[in-house]
Amino acid sequence: MQDIAVQDKLLEFINDFGDDLSSLELLLFFGRHPHARFNRAAVAHALNIRRIDLVKSLRCLIDRKLVVTCVENDVTLYSLTRDASLQTLVLGLLDIGQHQWQLIAERIIQAYETV
């Protein structure tokens, strides 16, 4: 029963991103590297993402307090939040299996079809 509650919480968390798949991809990236800091060029290279999409998604994640910034030697670095409750949600995304992702995707699609 607890797994269902966790999955529902993750689904709600994922639904908050709507059609912003770039932000979701960034969250998965930062979740795989929760203690690392990256400059924008490194993130863009790692994810092969367009600069405009990256800037928009980073801004979205920063506004939601999921990604934090720091400046070192005049270079802005990005990393996953240190907020434990938000980190738990992001790291929970990494534990979702392929079958669960498929179910989540189907739920998201159904939600948008009813709008």
C-alpha atoms as a PDB file:
ATOM      1  CA  MET A   1       0.000   0.000   0.000  1.00  0.00           C
ATOM      2  CA  GLN A   2       2.884   2.358   0.761  1.00  0.00           C
ATOM      3  CA  ASP A   3       4.303   1.729  -2.738  1.00  0.00           C
ATOM      4  CA  ILE A   4       1.037   2.961  -4.234  1.00  0.00           C
ATOM      5  CA  ALA A   5       1.175   6.142  -2.132  1.00  0.00           C
ATOM      6  CA  VAL A   6       4.769   6.765  -3.193  1.00  0.00           C
ATOM      7  CA  GLN A   7       3.910   6.104  -6.844  1.00  0.00           C
ATOM      8  CA  ASP A   8       0.936   8.478  -6.629  1.00  0.00           C
ATOM      9  CA  LYS A   9       3.154  11.164  -5.105  1.00  0.00           C
ATOM     10  CA  LEU A  10       5.716  10.663  -7.875  1.00  0.00           C
ATOM     11  CA  LEU A  11       2.960  10.764 -10.493  1.00  0.00           C
ATOM     12  CA  GLU A  12       1.704  14.047  -9.091  1.00  0.00           C
ATOM     13  CA  PHE A  13       5.271  15.360  -9.077  1.00  0.00           C
ATOM     14  CA  ILE A  14       5.730  14.313 -12.723  1.00  0.00           C
ATOM     15  CA  ASN A  15       2.341  15.747 -13.722  1.00  0.00           C
ATOM     16  CA  ASP A  16       3.483  19.139 -12.431  1.00  0.00           C
ATOM     17  CA  PHE A  17       5.848  19.292 -15.387  1.00  0.00           C
ATOM     18  CA  GLY A  18       3.113  18.770 -17.950  1.00  0.00           C
ATOM     19  CA  ASP A  19       4.688  18.724 -21.367  1.00  0.00           C
ATOM     20  CA  ASP A  20       8.061  20.038 -20.182  1.00  0.00           C
ATOM     21  CA  LEU A  21      10.046  16.922 -20.928  1.00  0.00           C
ATOM     22  CA  SER A  22      13.310  18.877 -20.922  1.00  0.00           C
ATOM     23  CA  SER A  23      12.810  19.716 -17.241  1.00  0.00           C
ATOM     24  CA  LEU A  24      12.015  16.106 -16.465  1.00  0.00           C
ATOM     25  CA  GLU A  25      15.135  14.989 -18.348  1.00  0.00           C
ATOM     26  CA  LEU A  26      17.194  17.535 -16.390  1.00  0.00           C
ATOM     27  CA  LEU A  27      15.775  16.252 -13.105  1.00  0.00           C
ATOM     28  CA  LEU A  28      16.753  12.716 -14.004  1.00  0.00           C
ATOM     29  CA  PHE A  29      20.244  13.942 -14.903  1.00  0.00           C
ATOM     30  CA  PHE A  30      20.699  15.810 -11.615  1.00  0.00           C
ATOM     31  CA  GLY A  31      19.191  12.851  -9.761  1.00  0.00           C
ATOM     32  CA  ARG A  32      21.881  10.587 -11.204  1.00  0.00           C
ATOM     33  CA  HIS A  33      24.493  13.084  -9.958  1.00  0.00           C
ATOM     34  CA  PRO A  34      22.928  14.448  -6.746  1.00  0.00           C
ATOM     35  CA  HIS A  35      26.137  15.842  -5.247  1.00  0.00           C
ATOM     36  CA  ALA A  36      27.777  17.219  -8.393  1.00  0.00           C
ATOM     37  CA  ARG A  37      27.716  20.729  -9.835  1.00  0.00           C
ATOM     38  CA  PHE A  38      27.725  21.410 -13.553  1.00  0.00           C
ATOM     39  CA  ASN A  39      28.028  24.460 -15.730  1.00  0.00           C
ATOM     40  CA  ARG A  40      25.417  24.976 -18.428  1.00  0.00           C
ATOM     41  CA  ALA A  41      27.706  23.821 -21.245  1.00  0.00           C
ATOM     42  CA  ALA A  42      28.406  20.514 -19.496  1.00  0.00           C
ATOM     43  CA  VAL A  43      24.693  19.866 -18.972  1.00  0.00           C
ATOM     44  CA  ALA A  44      23.893  20.765 -22.574  1.00  0.00           C
ATOM     45  CA  HIS A  45      26.616  18.448 -23.800  1.00  0.00           C
ATOM     46  CA  ALA A  46      25.613  15.563 -21.527  1.00  0.00           C
ATOM     47  CA  LEU A  47      21.958  15.735 -22.540  1.00  0.00           C
ATOM     48  CA  ASN A  48      22.366  16.954 -26.122  1.00  0.00           C
ATOM     49  CA  ILE A  49      19.698  19.558 -25.470  1.00  0.00           C
ATOM     50  CA  ARG A  50      19.123  22.827 -27.321  1.00  0.00           C
ATOM     51  CA  ARG A  51      20.387  25.891 -25.488  1.00  0.00           C
ATOM     52  CA  ILE A  52      16.996  27.610 -25.510  1.00  0.00           C
ATOM     53  CA  ASP A  53      15.279  24.543 -24.013  1.00  0.00           C
ATOM     54  CA  LEU A  54      18.033  24.158 -21.438  1.00  0.00           C
ATOM     55  CA  VAL A  55      17.810  27.772 -20.281  1.00  0.00           C
ATOM     56  CA  LYS A  56      14.019  27.596 -20.013  1.00  0.00           C
ATOM     57  CA  SER A  57      14.077  24.280 -18.133  1.00  0.00           C
ATOM     58  CA  LEU A  58      16.831  25.332 -15.765  1.00  0.00           C
ATOM     59  CA  ARG A  59      14.914  28.505 -14.960  1.00  0.00           C
ATOM     60  CA  CYS A  60      11.778  26.444 -14.299  1.00  0.00           C
ATOM     61  CA  LEU A  61      13.629  24.044 -11.982  1.00  0.00           C
ATOM     62  CA  ILE A  62      15.353  26.900 -10.156  1.00  0.00           C
ATOM     63  CA  ASP A  63      11.991  28.657  -9.658  1.00  0.00           C
ATOM     64  CA  ARG A  64      10.606  25.424  -8.205  1.00  0.00           C
ATOM     65  CA  LYS A  65      13.632  25.145  -5.894  1.00  0.00           C
ATOM     66  CA  LEU A  66      14.598  21.769  -7.400  1.00  0.00           C
ATOM     67  CA  VAL A  67      17.894  23.040  -8.788  1.00  0.00           C
ATOM     68  CA  VAL A  68      20.177  25.523  -7.064  1.00  0.00           C
ATOM     69  CA  THR A  69      22.956  27.675  -8.415  1.00  0.00           C
ATOM     70  CA  CYS A  70      26.270  28.900  -7.142  1.00  0.00           C
ATOM     71  CA  VAL A  71      28.918  31.030  -8.801  1.00  0.00           C
ATOM     72  CA  GLU A  72      32.578  30.060  -8.728  1.00  0.00           C
ATOM     73  CA  ASN A  73      35.220  31.991 -10.670  1.00  0.00           C
ATOM     74  CA  ASP A  74      32.459  33.874 -12.512  1.00  0.00           C
ATOM     75  CA  VAL A  75      30.912  30.585 -13.736  1.00  0.00           C
ATOM     76  CA  THR A  76      27.363  29.656 -12.723  1.00  0.00           C
ATOM     77  CA  LEU A  77      27.108  26.057 -11.550  1.00  0.00           C
ATOM     78  CA  TYR A  78      23.885  24.078 -11.217  1.00  0.00           C
ATOM     79  CA  SER A  79      23.122  21.242  -8.839  1.00  0.00           C
ATOM     80  CA  LEU A  80      20.248  19.329  -7.318  1.00  0.00           C
ATOM     81  CA  THR A  81      18.594  20.981  -4.338  1.00  0.00           C
ATOM     82  CA  ARG A  82      19.764  20.070  -0.849  1.00  0.00           C
ATOM     83  CA  ASP A  83      16.159  20.127   0.421  1.00  0.00           C
ATOM     84  CA  ALA A  84      15.697  16.545   1.619  1.00  0.00           C
ATOM     85  CA  SER A  85      11.996  16.245   0.757  1.00  0.00           C
ATOM     86  CA  LEU A  86      12.533  17.518  -2.793  1.00  0.00           C
ATOM     87  CA  GLN A  87      15.652  15.399  -3.221  1.00  0.00           C
ATOM     88  CA  THR A  88      13.667  12.337  -2.193  1.00  0.00           C
ATOM     89  CA  LEU A  89      11.125  12.998  -4.943  1.00  0.00           C
ATOM     90  CA  VAL A  90      13.816  13.485  -7.576  1.00  0.00           C
ATOM     91  CA  LEU A  91      15.751  10.402  -6.483  1.00  0.00           C
ATOM     92  CA  GLY A  92      12.468   8.478  -6.468  1.00  0.00           C
ATOM     93  CA  LEU A  93      12.204   9.141 -10.204  1.00  0.00           C
ATOM     94  CA  LEU A  94      15.332   7.046 -10.690  1.00  0.00           C
ATOM     95  CA  ASP A  95      13.756   4.066  -8.953  1.00  0.00           C
ATOM     96  CA  ILE A  96      10.818   3.923 -11.326  1.00  0.00           C
ATOM     97  CA  GLY A  97      11.056   0.905 -13.590  1.00  0.00           C
ATOM     98  CA  GLN A  98      10.322   0.936 -17.308  1.00  0.00           C
ATOM     99  CA  HIS A  99       6.885  -0.636 -16.807  1.00  0.00           C
ATOM    100  CA  GLN A 100       6.004   2.012 -14.214  1.00  0.00           C
ATOM    101  CA  TRP A 101       7.203   4.790 -16.571  1.00  0.00           C
ATOM    102  CA  GLN A 102       4.903   3.377 -19.232  1.00  0.00           C
ATOM    103  CA  LEU A 103       1.951   3.436 -16.835  1.00  0.00           C
ATOM    104  CA  ILE A 104       2.794   6.972 -15.764  1.00  0.00           C
ATOM    105  CA  ALA A 105       3.075   8.100 -19.386  1.00  0.00           C
ATOM    106  CA  GLU A 106      -0.313   6.553 -20.154  1.00  0.00           C
ATOM    107  CA  ARG A 107      -1.885   8.366 -17.187  1.00  0.00           C
ATOM    108  CA  ILE A 108      -0.372  11.680 -18.301  1.00  0.00           C
ATOM    109  CA  ILE A 109      -1.633  11.161 -21.857  1.00  0.00           C
ATOM    110  CA  GLN A 110      -5.115  10.296 -20.583  1.00  0.00           C
ATOM    111  CA  ALA A 111      -5.130  13.400 -18.404  1.00  0.00           C
ATOM    112  CA  TYR A 112      -4.303  15.617 -21.381  1.00  0.00           C
ATOM    113  CA  GLU A 113      -6.864  13.939 -23.602  1.00  0.00           C
ATOM    114  CA  THR A 114      -9.625  14.876 -21.170  1.00  0.00           C
ATOM    115  CA  VAL A 115      -8.622  18.554 -21.099  1.00  0.00           C
END
